[in-house]
Protein backbone atom coordinates (compact mmCIF):
# COMPACT_ATOMS: atom_id res chain seq x y z
CA MET A 1 115.42 -13.69 -117.61
CA ARG A 2 116.54 -12.21 -114.34
CA ALA A 3 114.05 -11.36 -111.62
CA ILE A 4 112.85 -7.77 -111.45
CA VAL A 5 112.83 -6.17 -108.01
CA LEU A 6 110.56 -3.29 -107.06
CA SER A 7 112.02 -0.34 -105.21
CA LEU A 8 109.60 -1.47 -102.50
CA LEU A 9 112.02 -4.41 -102.18
CA ILE A 10 109.33 -6.88 -103.23
CA ALA A 11 110.99 -9.69 -105.15
CA LEU A 12 108.80 -10.47 -108.14
CA PRO A 13 108.90 -13.60 -110.24
CA ALA A 14 110.95 -13.54 -113.42
CA PHE A 15 109.06 -13.08 -116.66
CA ALA A 16 107.94 -16.31 -118.27
CA GLU A 17 108.08 -16.22 -122.06
CA THR A 18 104.87 -18.22 -122.25
CA ILE A 19 101.98 -18.28 -119.77
CA VAL A 20 98.72 -20.15 -120.17
CA PHE A 21 95.50 -19.49 -118.27
CA ARG A 22 93.95 -22.94 -118.26
CA ASN A 23 90.24 -23.77 -118.08
CA VAL A 24 89.18 -20.19 -117.43
CA LYS A 25 85.95 -18.34 -118.12
CA VAL A 26 86.76 -15.44 -120.43
CA VAL A 27 85.06 -12.05 -120.31
CA SER A 28 86.51 -10.90 -123.61
CA MET A 29 84.58 -7.58 -123.72
CA THR A 30 84.02 -8.13 -127.45
CA SER A 31 80.48 -9.13 -126.43
CA PRO A 32 78.48 -9.35 -123.18
CA LYS A 33 78.88 -13.15 -123.15
CA VAL A 34 81.20 -15.31 -121.06
CA MET A 35 83.27 -17.87 -122.97
CA GLU A 36 83.45 -21.11 -120.96
CA LYS A 37 86.39 -23.51 -120.55
CA GLN A 38 88.93 -21.41 -122.41
CA ASN A 39 92.70 -21.62 -122.55
CA VAL A 40 94.40 -18.27 -123.05
CA ILE A 41 98.03 -18.39 -124.13
CA VAL A 42 100.26 -15.34 -123.62
CA ARG A 43 103.67 -15.21 -125.26
CA ASP A 44 106.11 -12.32 -124.90
CA GLY A 45 103.45 -9.98 -123.53
CA VAL A 46 100.90 -10.59 -126.29
CA ILE A 47 97.78 -12.77 -126.35
CA GLU A 48 98.64 -15.59 -128.74
CA SER A 49 95.40 -17.56 -128.67
CA VAL A 50 92.03 -17.99 -126.98
CA SER A 51 90.63 -21.48 -127.47
CA THR A 52 88.93 -24.45 -125.86
CA ARG A 53 91.85 -26.54 -127.13
CA LEU A 54 95.26 -26.60 -125.53
CA ALA A 55 98.17 -27.91 -127.53
CA LYS A 56 101.23 -29.32 -125.84
CA MET A 57 103.13 -26.39 -124.42
CA PRO A 58 106.92 -26.02 -124.47
CA ALA A 59 108.93 -26.79 -121.36
CA GLY A 60 109.01 -23.91 -118.90
CA THR A 61 105.51 -22.71 -119.70
CA LYS A 62 103.88 -21.18 -116.63
CA VAL A 63 100.35 -22.46 -116.06
CA VAL A 64 97.74 -20.47 -114.15
CA ASP A 65 94.77 -22.61 -113.20
CA GLY A 66 91.65 -20.62 -114.03
CA THR A 67 89.09 -23.20 -112.95
CA GLY A 68 86.05 -21.42 -111.57
CA LYS A 69 87.56 -17.99 -112.24
CA PHE A 70 86.94 -15.24 -114.78
CA LEU A 71 89.58 -13.59 -116.96
CA MET A 72 88.86 -10.03 -118.07
CA PRO A 73 90.91 -7.28 -119.69
CA GLY A 74 92.88 -4.99 -117.41
CA LEU A 75 91.14 -1.77 -116.42
CA ALA A 76 92.16 1.83 -117.01
CA GLU A 77 92.39 4.95 -114.86
CA MET A 78 91.82 7.66 -117.45
CA HIS A 79 92.24 10.58 -115.09
CA GLY A 80 95.01 9.44 -112.81
CA HIS A 81 98.10 11.05 -111.43
CA VAL A 82 101.66 9.85 -111.01
CA PRO A 83 103.28 11.55 -107.99
CA PRO A 84 106.47 13.50 -108.75
CA LEU A 85 109.58 11.36 -108.72
CA ASN A 86 110.94 13.39 -105.81
CA ALA A 87 107.84 12.74 -103.68
CA PRO A 88 108.85 11.54 -100.20
CA ASN A 89 108.86 7.98 -98.89
CA GLY A 90 108.54 6.22 -102.25
CA ALA A 91 105.11 7.67 -103.03
CA THR A 92 105.62 7.26 -106.79
CA ASP A 93 106.35 3.54 -106.60
CA ASP A 94 103.54 3.07 -104.10
CA ALA A 95 100.97 4.72 -106.36
CA LEU A 96 102.02 2.67 -109.39
CA PHE A 97 101.82 -0.55 -107.41
CA LEU A 98 98.42 0.34 -105.89
CA TYR A 99 97.04 0.88 -109.38
CA VAL A 100 98.24 -2.54 -110.53
CA ALA A 101 97.10 -4.30 -107.35
CA ASN A 102 93.56 -3.14 -108.10
CA GLY A 103 93.51 -4.40 -111.67
CA ILE A 104 94.48 -1.13 -113.35
CA THR A 105 96.90 -1.84 -116.18
CA THR A 106 96.65 1.51 -117.98
CA VAL A 107 96.87 5.01 -116.49
CA ARG A 108 96.42 8.28 -118.35
CA GLY A 109 98.44 10.60 -116.15
CA MET A 110 96.88 14.04 -116.18
CA LEU A 111 99.60 16.28 -114.78
CA GLY A 112 103.16 16.09 -116.04
CA HIS A 113 106.21 16.33 -113.79
CA PRO A 114 109.95 16.10 -114.54
CA GLY A 115 111.12 12.54 -115.00
CA GLN A 116 107.74 11.09 -115.91
CA LEU A 117 108.64 10.50 -119.55
CA GLU A 118 111.60 8.37 -118.44
CA LEU A 119 109.26 6.57 -116.04
CA ARG A 120 106.89 5.84 -118.92
CA GLU A 121 109.71 4.25 -120.90
CA LYS A 122 110.85 2.16 -117.91
CA SER A 123 107.30 0.90 -117.62
CA LYS A 124 107.24 -0.04 -121.30
CA ARG A 125 110.53 -1.94 -120.93
CA GLY A 126 109.28 -3.79 -117.87
CA GLU A 127 111.95 -2.36 -115.60
CA ILE A 128 109.36 -1.41 -112.97
CA VAL A 129 106.01 -2.79 -111.91
CA ALA A 130 103.60 -0.20 -113.20
CA PRO A 131 100.59 0.26 -115.45
CA ASN A 132 101.10 1.30 -119.05
CA LEU A 133 101.46 5.07 -118.84
CA TYR A 134 100.12 7.71 -121.22
CA LEU A 135 101.07 11.13 -119.95
CA ALA A 136 99.85 14.70 -120.22
CA GLY A 137 102.48 17.38 -119.85
CA PRO A 138 102.51 20.20 -117.28
CA SER A 139 99.14 21.91 -117.39
CA PHE A 140 97.90 24.90 -119.37
CA ASN A 141 96.40 27.25 -116.78
CA GLY A 142 96.16 30.87 -115.72
CA GLN A 143 99.55 30.69 -114.03
CA SER A 144 101.54 28.82 -116.67
CA VAL A 145 100.20 30.68 -119.73
CA ASN A 146 100.02 34.47 -119.92
CA SER A 147 99.44 35.13 -123.62
CA PRO A 148 98.33 33.36 -126.81
CA GLN A 149 101.95 33.18 -127.95
CA GLU A 150 102.96 31.46 -124.72
CA ALA A 151 100.19 28.93 -125.31
CA ILE A 152 101.50 28.28 -128.84
CA ASP A 153 105.07 27.88 -127.64
CA LYS A 154 104.00 25.56 -124.81
CA VAL A 155 102.09 23.28 -127.19
CA ARG A 156 105.05 22.96 -129.53
CA ALA A 157 107.48 22.36 -126.69
CA GLN A 158 105.36 19.58 -125.16
CA LYS A 159 104.90 17.92 -128.54
CA GLN A 160 108.66 17.94 -129.09
CA GLU A 161 109.33 16.62 -125.59
CA GLY A 162 107.13 13.61 -126.27
CA TRP A 163 104.09 14.05 -124.03
CA ASP A 164 101.01 12.11 -125.13
CA LEU A 165 98.50 14.93 -124.65
CA LEU A 166 97.95 18.42 -123.26
CA LYS A 167 96.21 19.05 -119.93
CA VAL A 168 93.79 21.98 -119.64
CA HIS A 169 93.24 23.59 -116.25
CA PRO A 170 91.09 26.61 -115.30
CA GLY A 171 92.35 30.15 -115.80
CA LEU A 172 93.03 30.36 -119.52
CA THR A 173 91.50 33.26 -121.42
CA ARG A 174 89.53 32.41 -124.54
CA ASP A 175 92.31 33.77 -126.76
CA GLU A 176 94.93 31.67 -124.95
CA TYR A 177 92.72 28.59 -125.13
CA ASP A 178 92.02 29.07 -128.83
CA ALA A 179 95.73 29.52 -129.56
CA MET A 180 96.43 26.28 -127.69
CA ALA A 181 93.65 24.39 -129.48
CA LYS A 182 94.62 25.58 -132.98
CA THR A 183 98.29 24.77 -132.42
CA ALA A 184 97.40 21.37 -130.97
CA ARG A 185 95.56 20.55 -134.20
CA GLU A 186 98.54 21.66 -136.25
CA GLU A 187 100.94 19.61 -134.11
CA ARG A 188 98.54 16.64 -133.95
CA ILE A 189 98.50 16.36 -130.19
CA ARG A 190 95.25 15.78 -128.32
CA PHE A 191 94.08 17.86 -125.35
CA GLY A 192 91.56 17.49 -122.56
CA GLY A 193 90.74 18.15 -118.93
CA HIS A 194 88.85 21.11 -117.49
CA VAL A 195 86.84 23.86 -119.17
CA PRO A 196 88.13 27.36 -118.31
CA ALA A 197 85.29 29.68 -117.23
CA GLU A 198 85.96 32.24 -119.98
CA VAL A 199 85.92 29.48 -122.61
CA GLY A 200 82.72 27.65 -121.72
CA LEU A 201 81.67 24.10 -122.55
CA GLU A 202 80.11 24.72 -125.95
CA HIS A 203 83.09 26.65 -127.29
CA ALA A 204 85.51 24.04 -125.93
CA ILE A 205 83.60 21.35 -127.82
CA GLU A 206 83.69 23.45 -130.99
CA MET A 207 87.46 23.93 -130.64
CA GLY A 208 88.06 20.19 -130.52
CA GLN A 209 88.68 19.46 -126.84
CA GLU A 210 88.66 15.69 -126.74
CA THR A 211 87.97 14.70 -123.14
CA PHE A 212 85.90 16.52 -120.57
CA ASP A 213 87.16 15.29 -117.25
CA HIS A 214 85.00 15.51 -114.09
CA ILE A 215 82.06 16.17 -116.49
CA ASP A 216 83.50 19.68 -116.34
CA GLY A 217 81.42 22.46 -117.83
CA TYR A 218 78.15 20.52 -117.96
CA ALA A 219 76.81 21.34 -114.50
CA GLU A 220 77.88 24.95 -114.96
CA LEU A 221 76.13 25.26 -118.33
CA LEU A 222 72.95 23.77 -116.85
CA ASP A 223 72.99 25.84 -113.62
CA ALA A 224 72.95 22.60 -111.68
CA ASP A 225 73.48 24.28 -108.30
CA LYS A 226 69.99 25.81 -108.54
CA GLY A 227 68.06 22.56 -108.75
CA PRO A 228 66.94 19.99 -111.36
CA VAL A 229 68.46 20.64 -114.77
CA ASP A 230 66.49 21.86 -117.77
CA GLU A 231 65.83 18.63 -119.69
CA LYS A 232 65.57 20.37 -123.05
CA LYS A 233 68.89 22.12 -122.53
CA LEU A 234 70.44 18.88 -121.31
CA ALA A 235 69.28 17.02 -124.42
CA ALA A 236 70.78 19.72 -126.63
CA ILE A 237 74.24 19.57 -125.04
CA VAL A 238 74.18 15.76 -125.08
CA LYS A 239 73.53 15.85 -128.82
CA LYS A 240 76.28 18.42 -129.36
CA SER A 241 78.69 16.22 -127.37
CA LYS A 242 77.73 13.10 -129.32
CA ASP A 243 78.04 14.84 -132.68
CA ALA A 244 81.52 16.10 -131.76
CA ASN A 245 82.70 12.64 -130.62
CA VAL A 246 83.85 13.90 -127.23
CA TRP A 247 84.74 11.60 -124.35
CA ILE A 248 83.61 12.01 -120.73
CA VAL A 249 85.71 11.01 -117.69
CA PRO A 250 83.21 11.31 -114.79
CA THR A 251 85.28 11.08 -111.52
CA SER A 252 81.91 11.05 -109.73
CA ALA A 253 83.06 9.53 -106.44
CA LEU A 254 85.65 12.26 -105.91
CA TRP A 255 83.14 15.03 -106.63
CA GLU A 256 80.94 13.67 -103.83
CA VAL A 257 83.93 14.09 -101.54
CA LEU A 258 84.73 17.60 -102.77
CA PHE A 259 81.11 18.68 -102.34
CA ASN A 260 80.94 17.12 -98.86
CA THR A 261 77.91 14.94 -99.60
CA ILE A 262 79.60 11.93 -97.97
CA PRO A 263 79.94 12.21 -94.16
CA LEU A 264 83.52 12.78 -93.02
CA GLU A 265 83.27 9.83 -90.63
CA THR A 266 82.46 7.56 -93.58
CA LEU A 267 85.46 8.81 -95.53
CA GLN A 268 87.80 8.45 -92.56
CA ALA A 269 86.68 4.81 -92.22
CA TYR A 270 87.78 3.81 -95.73
CA ALA A 271 89.91 0.69 -95.33
CA GLU A 272 92.35 1.76 -98.06
CA LEU A 273 93.56 4.76 -96.04
CA LYS A 274 96.08 2.42 -94.43
CA TYR A 275 98.09 2.76 -97.63
CA VAL A 276 98.58 6.53 -97.30
CA PRO A 277 100.35 8.64 -94.67
CA GLN A 278 98.32 9.77 -91.67
CA ALA A 279 99.43 13.33 -92.40
CA ALA A 280 97.63 13.15 -95.74
CA VAL A 281 94.42 11.91 -94.10
CA ASP A 282 94.61 14.72 -91.56
CA GLN A 283 95.07 17.26 -94.34
CA TRP A 284 92.10 15.85 -96.27
CA SER A 285 89.94 16.00 -93.14
CA LYS A 286 90.88 19.63 -92.55
CA ALA A 287 90.06 20.51 -96.16
CA TYR A 288 86.67 18.82 -95.76
CA ASN A 289 85.85 20.85 -92.66
CA ASP A 290 87.06 24.08 -94.28
CA ARG A 291 84.66 23.52 -97.20
CA LEU A 292 81.68 23.15 -94.89
CA ALA A 293 81.77 26.88 -94.23
CA GLN A 294 82.22 27.79 -97.88
CA THR A 295 79.71 25.72 -99.88
CA PRO A 296 75.94 26.04 -99.29
CA ARG A 297 74.61 22.56 -98.50
CA GLU A 298 71.57 22.81 -100.76
CA ALA A 299 73.66 23.90 -103.74
CA ALA A 300 76.13 21.05 -103.15
CA LYS A 301 73.34 18.46 -103.06
CA ASN A 302 71.82 19.92 -106.22
CA VAL A 303 75.13 19.68 -108.09
CA ILE A 304 75.74 16.04 -107.13
CA ALA A 305 72.18 15.02 -108.02
CA ALA A 306 72.50 16.86 -111.34
CA ARG A 307 75.81 15.14 -112.13
CA VAL A 308 74.12 11.75 -111.81
CA ARG A 309 71.37 12.91 -114.16
CA ILE A 310 73.88 14.39 -116.62
CA LEU A 311 76.00 11.23 -116.70
CA ARG A 312 72.91 9.10 -117.29
CA ALA A 313 71.82 11.37 -120.14
CA LEU A 314 75.28 11.38 -121.71
CA HIS A 315 75.46 7.60 -121.56
CA GLU A 316 71.95 7.08 -122.90
CA GLY A 317 72.67 9.63 -125.63
CA GLY A 318 75.62 7.62 -126.92
CA VAL A 319 78.41 9.86 -125.65
CA LYS A 320 81.53 7.80 -124.98
CA ILE A 321 82.49 7.34 -121.33
CA LEU A 322 85.98 6.59 -119.98
CA MET A 323 86.65 5.22 -116.51
CA GLY A 324 88.51 7.64 -114.23
CA THR A 325 88.73 8.82 -110.63
CA ASP A 326 91.43 11.55 -110.33
CA ALA A 327 93.50 9.50 -107.87
CA PRO A 328 95.47 10.17 -105.81
CA GLN A 329 93.27 12.88 -104.36
CA GLN A 330 91.35 13.62 -101.19
CA PHE A 331 90.16 10.25 -99.83
CA SER A 332 90.83 8.86 -103.31
CA VAL A 333 93.54 6.21 -103.03
CA PRO A 334 95.05 4.94 -106.31
CA GLY A 335 93.32 1.81 -107.54
CA PHE A 336 90.87 1.53 -104.68
CA SER A 337 89.07 4.68 -105.83
CA LEU A 338 88.19 2.97 -109.10
CA HIS A 339 86.09 0.35 -107.33
CA ARG A 340 84.13 3.15 -105.65
CA GLU A 341 83.66 4.86 -109.03
CA LEU A 342 82.07 1.71 -110.48
CA LEU A 343 79.18 2.08 -108.04
CA ARG A 344 78.54 5.66 -109.18
CA MET A 345 78.34 4.48 -112.78
CA ARG A 346 75.83 1.85 -111.69
CA GLU A 347 73.80 4.58 -109.98
CA ALA A 348 73.73 6.45 -113.29
CA GLY A 349 71.97 3.48 -114.90
CA MET A 350 74.88 1.66 -116.54
CA SER A 351 74.92 -2.15 -116.64
CA PRO A 352 78.02 -4.09 -115.52
CA TYR A 353 78.98 -4.68 -119.15
CA GLU A 354 78.54 -1.00 -120.01
CA ILE A 355 80.60 0.00 -116.98
CA LEU A 356 83.42 -2.41 -117.87
CA LYS A 357 83.48 -1.07 -121.43
CA THR A 358 84.46 2.37 -120.09
CA GLY A 359 87.65 0.90 -118.65
CA THR A 360 88.51 -1.66 -121.34
CA VAL A 361 87.35 -1.54 -124.98
CA ASN A 362 86.54 2.18 -124.87
CA VAL A 363 90.06 2.90 -123.66
CA GLY A 364 91.45 0.62 -126.33
CA GLN A 365 89.50 2.61 -128.90
CA TYR A 366 90.75 5.91 -127.47
CA PHE A 367 94.37 4.74 -127.76
CA SER A 368 93.88 2.65 -130.93
CA LYS A 369 96.43 4.68 -132.91
CA GLN A 370 99.11 3.94 -130.32
CA ASP A 371 98.55 0.33 -129.24
CA SER A 372 96.17 -2.62 -129.25
CA PHE A 373 94.58 -3.61 -125.94
CA GLY A 374 91.28 -3.48 -124.03
CA ALA A 375 89.86 -6.86 -125.06
CA ILE A 376 90.87 -10.51 -124.82
CA GLU A 377 91.66 -11.35 -128.42
CA ARG A 378 94.59 -12.74 -130.34
CA GLY A 379 97.25 -10.10 -130.95
CA ARG A 380 96.20 -7.75 -128.15
CA ARG A 381 98.62 -6.65 -125.44
CA ALA A 382 98.33 -9.04 -122.49
CA ASP A 383 96.84 -6.78 -119.81
CA LEU A 384 94.55 -9.07 -117.86
CA VAL A 385 92.79 -9.47 -114.51
CA LEU A 386 91.76 -12.82 -113.04
CA VAL A 387 88.78 -12.49 -110.69
CA ASP A 388 86.94 -15.01 -108.53
CA ALA A 389 83.38 -14.19 -109.62
CA ASN A 390 81.54 -12.97 -112.71
CA PRO A 391 81.87 -9.16 -113.09
CA LEU A 392 79.02 -9.14 -115.62
CA VAL A 393 76.60 -10.31 -112.93
CA ASP A 394 77.76 -7.96 -110.18
CA ILE A 395 80.18 -5.12 -110.85
CA THR A 396 81.59 -5.39 -107.32
CA ASN A 397 83.08 -8.74 -108.33
CA VAL A 398 85.79 -6.76 -110.14
CA ALA A 399 87.41 -6.27 -106.73
CA LYS A 400 87.74 -10.04 -106.12
CA ILE A 401 91.15 -10.22 -107.74
CA SER A 402 93.20 -13.44 -107.93
CA GLY A 403 95.98 -11.91 -109.99
CA VAL A 404 96.91 -9.25 -112.51
CA MET A 405 98.96 -9.39 -115.71
CA VAL A 406 100.61 -6.26 -117.11
CA ARG A 407 102.30 -6.59 -120.53
CA GLY A 408 102.67 -10.32 -119.93
CA ARG A 409 104.06 -10.06 -116.39
CA TRP A 410 101.93 -12.14 -114.02
CA LEU A 411 101.43 -11.03 -110.41
CA SER A 412 99.61 -13.58 -108.31
CA ARG A 413 97.40 -12.78 -105.33
CA ALA A 414 100.37 -13.56 -103.11
CA ASP A 415 102.57 -11.10 -105.03
CA LEU A 416 99.94 -8.39 -104.75
CA ASP A 417 99.40 -9.01 -101.03
CA ALA A 418 103.14 -8.85 -100.37
CA GLY A 419 103.37 -5.48 -102.10
CA LEU A 420 100.35 -4.11 -100.27
CA ALA A 421 101.77 -5.27 -96.93
CA LYS A 422 105.02 -3.40 -97.62
CA ILE A 423 103.14 -0.19 -98.30
CA GLU A 424 100.89 -0.59 -95.29
CA ALA A 425 103.88 -1.17 -93.04
CA LYS A 426 105.33 2.20 -94.04
CA HIS A 427 102.19 3.97 -92.79
CA LYS A 428 101.49 1.91 -89.67
CA ARG A 429 99.15 3.91 -87.45
């Protein structure tokens, strides 16, 4: 098959019909155990076998030596964004590549733009280097919806257009929200995102909202800005969430940025900022300073502390968590932001295995009606990450990437570094 070339002008290796990861330690995510001395065969983008035995392979098989390394499922960004296709300086391609370079093989895009559905299909066909994309349409908010009938029409239009889900933003009235929710059930399209103020968390749960991104609505319900949350009230909303089978996408690292609890100097020193334009960094810094005059410091600290407590309670209460960061955003660079998010999950009391579940098997369960991925098993889509150290011992080992496979396409460390260098060169300070 002919070589595929990124718009970044990075020449990538041609697809190999069969690839074998030889003598690798497998973190299958079907259990918290590591499988030693495994050979994982991938054929035509699907995991064909996982075994200690290795039969004679056909000529042309690509072999990746996994000795001393760990193979885990690809991760997911469940509240990500794909820049508009008309974004300047190749920002769309850059974002997609940055996701992949950081081990993210699935992105749930949470704000639809023209052309994204075509981009999703190009990704499926392997015409571009990109994660698997599941896309929300343009958002339902106080500006885009002005009546219950408009909400109904918008749901039906987005279903017909082929979007994977509906995105909820603030500003909807309760009547508009309810019209959207009821029509979404009729049309069998899922919806998630924010909780409009007039709707409230409890009503949104009752109406079938599936994901609550940014832990939205929980801190507000619990008056988190005033101090430690009421534990009895917290337990009640955790139970209600569990009983309704909702999913939580925390985006904790970003909320620390937006509430200014991380010093600006620390944010400005993030190494990954070399992959974004200086103008963006300057804009983010200005926004940070503008917020200092608007948000009382004590209230901001209370909210962030409460969010950690709420996430811990949700996790311990059996509510399902999905990995997500809301990148690209202020000081939140696609892909790199996920590795910062892992540390916030650890702070909330989650073990490395529990953290990895939120970006692998949980995501596979969430999308189980559409595809099969999220674990290293025969028949699953071959989205894989090869890392140099055991991620079940230390979650930061997830960042020690030797290579990434998306739908059977293997990108070595050298391929990833070449792509990153191209992006960095565009934004040379």
